[in-house]
Each structure stands twice: as C-alpha cells, then as structure tokens.
Amino acid sequence: MMGQQRAAGPIRVAIVGPESSGKSTLARDWSRRLRELGMSAAWVEEYSRAYYADRPYVSSIADIEAIAAGQLAAEARAEEAGAGILLCDTTALTCKIWAEVAHGQASDALLALYRPRDYALTVLACPDIPWEPDPLRSHPAQRDWLLDLHRQELAREGIAAVELAGAHEARLARAMAALLPLLPA
C-alpha cells in the first residue's frame, strides 16, 4: 500500500479505476470530509475533463501524453497551494492503460510521466455501480476488463491498492480507514 513518499511533501493518494466507477464522486466527498475534520485536503480533479472542455474528444498518443502531464501539473499546483493531503482523481496510470487499450502501447514520453510510487496510498474503485454515460467514456461493457488491467498493472508495480466497492458511504469509510495510518499523530 505504501509508495515512496517524500518526507516533507503532502500525502498523495491515487484514486484509480475504470471509467464510471465513482472516482470523482469519491474524491470530491473524501476531500470535503477531511476538511470538515480540520485537515488540509485538496481534490486534484481529473485533468482530461479540462483538456477536452474546449476541443473535440480525440484520443491520440500526443493527447494522452498532454493529459498525463496536465494531471501531474495539477498535483504540483495543489502541493504549492499547501494542501497536506492530495486526493488525485486519476493518475498517469489511467493514461498508460488508456494508451495501451486505444493505441496498443504507451509511448516512452508517457512512461516517463508514469510514477506509481509517488503515492502513499492507492485506492482502486470497482465498477459495481451503474454506468453513467459521458462524452469521455467509451467502454460501458468492458469495465470489469479495465478493472483487471488496473489490478494487473498495480500488481506488476508492487502496489497493493485498497479496493473500494459497494455503496458510496461504505467506499468512503474504507478510504478513510486506509488513510488513517498515514496521517501524522
């Protein structure tokens, strides 16, 4: 579960999983819950939404590389703003899997941005909730397959992700319990 966390930096949490598995809802509500408890937490939103806000949805390797770089830049901005806990609504892992599924492989430039050990905690959202259509989603029938791709990649990297399934409150409670040991005393 633990990655290689920089001692002076924030606690980085990777929230990953297939499309329409509740990642954004979890990140939003988790950050709110932490702030209600007096903690400095930031929801680092999924950058692909901002990237495609003013352009047509096209999936090229260059687009995926730009999205991975933008996601990391958003994390850096949240860190500079002083957040003690970064809840990262997807990471370059999603971009790596996206490139492999859509284009057969991830580019060297994308792989250079893929740093799964930057996160002290990785949570994997399971697609056991209803599919919600969205212009950036394209695999409604393959969510379990995509979940397995995430599991395989995390295992290959030696990352023991905490899987989140079930109702939203149960997911949030499990996420909070997984984060608790990482918080300063």
Protein backbone atom coordinates (compact mmCIF):
# COMPACT_ATOMS: atom_id res chain seq x y z
CA MET A 1 0.00 0.00 0.00
CA MET A 2 2.83 2.39 0.72
CA GLY A 3 4.78 4.07 -2.02
CA GLN A 4 7.96 6.07 -1.69
CA GLN A 5 6.65 9.25 -0.11
CA ARG A 6 8.80 12.36 0.23
CA ALA A 7 9.09 13.18 3.93
CA ALA A 8 8.34 16.91 3.59
CA GLY A 9 5.64 16.68 0.93
CA PRO A 10 1.93 16.08 1.16
CA ILE A 11 0.31 12.67 1.43
CA ARG A 12 -0.55 11.78 -2.15
CA VAL A 13 -3.49 9.45 -2.71
CA ALA A 14 -4.08 7.90 -6.14
CA ILE A 15 -7.73 7.23 -6.90
CA VAL A 16 -7.79 4.97 -9.94
CA GLY A 17 -10.12 2.55 -11.68
CA PRO A 18 -12.18 2.08 -14.81
CA GLU A 19 -14.41 4.79 -16.18
CA SER A 20 -17.69 5.38 -14.35
CA SER A 21 -16.55 3.64 -11.17
CA GLY A 22 -17.14 6.55 -8.78
CA LYS A 23 -13.65 8.07 -8.62
CA SER A 24 -14.67 11.72 -8.93
CA THR A 25 -17.57 11.41 -6.51
CA LEU A 26 -15.29 9.71 -4.00
CA ALA A 27 -12.52 12.31 -4.39
CA ARG A 28 -14.93 15.22 -4.02
CA ASP A 29 -16.69 13.81 -0.95
CA TRP A 30 -13.50 12.48 0.64
CA SER A 31 -11.78 15.87 0.41
CA ARG A 32 -14.87 17.55 1.88
CA ARG A 33 -14.96 15.04 4.77
CA LEU A 34 -11.26 15.58 5.53
CA ARG A 35 -11.68 19.36 5.51
CA GLU A 36 -14.68 19.04 7.86
CA LEU A 37 -12.32 17.20 10.21
CA GLY A 38 -9.90 20.13 10.07
CA MET A 39 -7.39 18.59 7.66
CA SER A 40 -5.82 20.34 4.70
CA ALA A 41 -7.02 18.25 1.77
CA ALA A 42 -7.34 19.02 -1.92
CA TRP A 43 -9.24 17.20 -4.63
CA VAL A 44 -6.99 17.16 -7.69
CA GLU A 45 -9.62 16.85 -10.39
CA GLU A 46 -9.31 14.64 -13.45
CA TYR A 47 -7.40 16.79 -15.94
CA SER A 48 -8.84 15.15 -19.06
CA ARG A 49 -12.14 16.98 -18.41
CA ALA A 50 -10.42 20.38 -18.57
CA TYR A 51 -8.31 19.26 -21.53
CA TYR A 52 -11.33 18.30 -23.62
CA ALA A 53 -13.57 21.14 -22.42
CA ASP A 54 -12.85 23.27 -25.48
CA ARG A 55 -11.77 20.74 -28.10
CA PRO A 56 -13.26 17.65 -29.70
CA TYR A 57 -12.64 14.35 -27.96
CA VAL A 58 -9.86 12.69 -29.94
CA SER A 59 -7.58 10.07 -28.49
CA SER A 60 -4.08 10.37 -29.85
CA ILE A 61 -0.86 9.47 -28.08
CA ALA A 62 0.01 13.18 -28.02
CA ASP A 63 -3.31 13.96 -26.32
CA ILE A 64 -2.79 11.25 -23.72
CA GLU A 65 0.76 12.50 -23.03
CA ALA A 66 -0.58 16.06 -22.61
CA ILE A 67 -3.27 14.83 -20.23
CA ALA A 68 -0.77 12.90 -18.09
CA ALA A 69 1.48 15.98 -17.93
CA GLY A 70 -1.51 18.18 -17.09
CA GLN A 71 -2.58 15.80 -14.32
CA LEU A 72 0.88 15.97 -12.75
CA ALA A 73 0.93 19.77 -13.10
CA ALA A 74 -2.42 19.94 -11.28
CA GLU A 75 -0.93 17.85 -8.46
CA ALA A 76 2.05 20.22 -8.28
CA ARG A 77 -0.26 23.25 -8.08
CA ALA A 78 -2.23 21.64 -5.24
CA GLU A 79 1.01 20.93 -3.41
CA GLU A 80 2.22 24.52 -3.92
CA ALA A 81 -1.09 25.76 -2.51
CA GLY A 82 -0.18 23.96 0.71
CA ALA A 83 -2.56 21.03 0.80
CA GLY A 84 -1.37 18.35 3.20
CA ILE A 85 -3.37 15.58 1.51
CA LEU A 86 -3.77 15.36 -2.26
CA LEU A 87 -6.67 13.20 -3.43
CA CYS A 88 -5.70 12.64 -7.04
CA ASP A 89 -8.76 11.84 -9.16
CA THR A 90 -6.86 9.56 -11.54
CA THR A 91 -3.15 9.45 -12.32
CA ALA A 92 -0.82 8.68 -15.20
CA LEU A 93 -1.73 5.02 -14.60
CA THR A 94 -5.08 5.70 -16.25
CA CYS A 95 -3.29 7.37 -19.15
CA LYS A 96 -0.94 4.39 -19.53
CA ILE A 97 -3.85 1.95 -19.67
CA TRP A 98 -5.78 4.26 -22.00
CA ALA A 99 -2.82 4.41 -24.41
CA GLU A 100 -2.39 0.64 -24.34
CA VAL A 101 -6.09 -0.02 -24.96
CA ALA A 102 -6.61 2.66 -27.62
CA HIS A 103 -3.21 2.62 -29.34
CA GLY A 104 -1.56 -0.70 -28.47
CA GLN A 105 1.16 0.75 -26.25
CA ALA A 106 2.25 3.67 -24.12
CA SER A 107 4.90 5.97 -25.56
CA ASP A 108 8.28 6.47 -23.91
CA ALA A 109 7.25 10.05 -23.08
CA LEU A 110 4.12 8.80 -21.33
CA LEU A 111 6.04 6.11 -19.45
CA ALA A 112 8.40 8.81 -18.18
CA LEU A 113 5.38 10.53 -16.58
CA TYR A 114 4.12 7.30 -15.01
CA ARG A 115 5.36 7.26 -11.41
CA PRO A 116 3.10 4.95 -9.39
CA ARG A 117 5.35 5.11 -6.32
CA ASP A 118 4.72 8.85 -5.89
CA TYR A 119 1.55 7.94 -3.99
CA ALA A 120 1.48 6.91 -0.34
CA LEU A 121 -1.88 5.23 -0.89
CA THR A 122 -3.61 3.89 -3.98
CA VAL A 123 -7.32 3.15 -3.96
CA LEU A 124 -8.93 1.21 -6.79
CA ALA A 125 -12.59 1.98 -7.46
CA CYS A 126 -14.58 -1.03 -8.59
CA PRO A 127 -17.23 -0.66 -11.29
CA ASP A 128 -20.05 -2.18 -9.25
CA ILE A 129 -22.17 0.96 -9.58
CA PRO A 130 -24.45 1.83 -12.50
CA TRP A 131 -22.81 3.10 -15.69
CA GLU A 132 -23.32 6.82 -16.28
CA PRO A 133 -22.95 7.98 -19.89
CA ASP A 134 -20.47 10.77 -20.51
CA PRO A 135 -18.82 12.11 -23.69
CA LEU A 136 -15.38 11.00 -22.40
CA ARG A 137 -16.46 7.42 -21.64
CA SER A 138 -16.41 4.71 -24.26
CA HIS A 139 -16.29 1.25 -22.63
CA PRO A 140 -19.59 0.60 -20.81
CA ALA A 141 -19.41 -3.17 -21.32
CA GLN A 142 -15.68 -3.53 -20.59
CA ARG A 143 -15.42 -2.03 -17.10
CA ASP A 144 -14.57 -5.36 -15.45
CA TRP A 145 -11.87 -5.98 -18.06
CA LEU A 146 -10.49 -2.47 -17.44
CA LEU A 147 -10.55 -3.15 -13.68
CA ASP A 148 -8.45 -6.26 -14.29
CA LEU A 149 -5.97 -4.21 -16.36
CA HIS A 150 -5.62 -1.83 -13.40
CA ARG A 151 -5.14 -4.73 -10.99
CA GLN A 152 -2.51 -6.33 -13.24
CA GLU A 153 -0.54 -3.10 -13.65
CA LEU A 154 -0.65 -2.30 -9.94
CA ALA A 155 0.49 -5.84 -9.10
CA ARG A 156 3.30 -5.57 -11.68
CA GLU A 157 4.45 -2.39 -9.92
CA GLY A 158 4.13 -3.97 -6.45
CA ILE A 159 1.37 -1.59 -5.40
CA ALA A 160 -1.18 -3.13 -3.02
CA ALA A 161 -4.20 -0.98 -3.76
CA VAL A 162 -7.16 -0.78 -1.42
CA GLU A 163 -10.19 -1.83 -3.45
CA LEU A 164 -13.36 0.15 -2.92
CA ALA A 165 -16.70 -1.42 -3.77
CA GLY A 166 -20.28 -1.17 -2.67
CA ALA A 167 -22.35 1.80 -1.63
CA HIS A 168 -20.79 5.26 -1.57
CA GLU A 169 -20.69 5.61 2.23
CA ALA A 170 -19.01 2.20 2.57
CA ARG A 171 -16.41 3.24 0.00
CA LEU A 172 -15.77 6.50 1.81
CA ALA A 173 -15.45 4.75 5.19
CA ARG A 174 -12.97 2.22 3.77
CA ALA A 175 -10.98 5.02 2.13
CA MET A 176 -10.85 6.98 5.39
CA ALA A 177 -9.72 3.86 7.29
CA ALA A 178 -6.94 3.25 4.74
CA LEU A 179 -5.71 6.85 5.04
CA LEU A 180 -5.75 6.99 8.84
CA PRO A 181 -2.42 5.14 9.41
CA LEU A 182 -0.68 7.61 7.07
CA LEU A 183 -1.75 10.72 8.96
CA PRO A 184 0.63 12.43 11.39
CA ALA A 185 -0.04 11.58 15.03
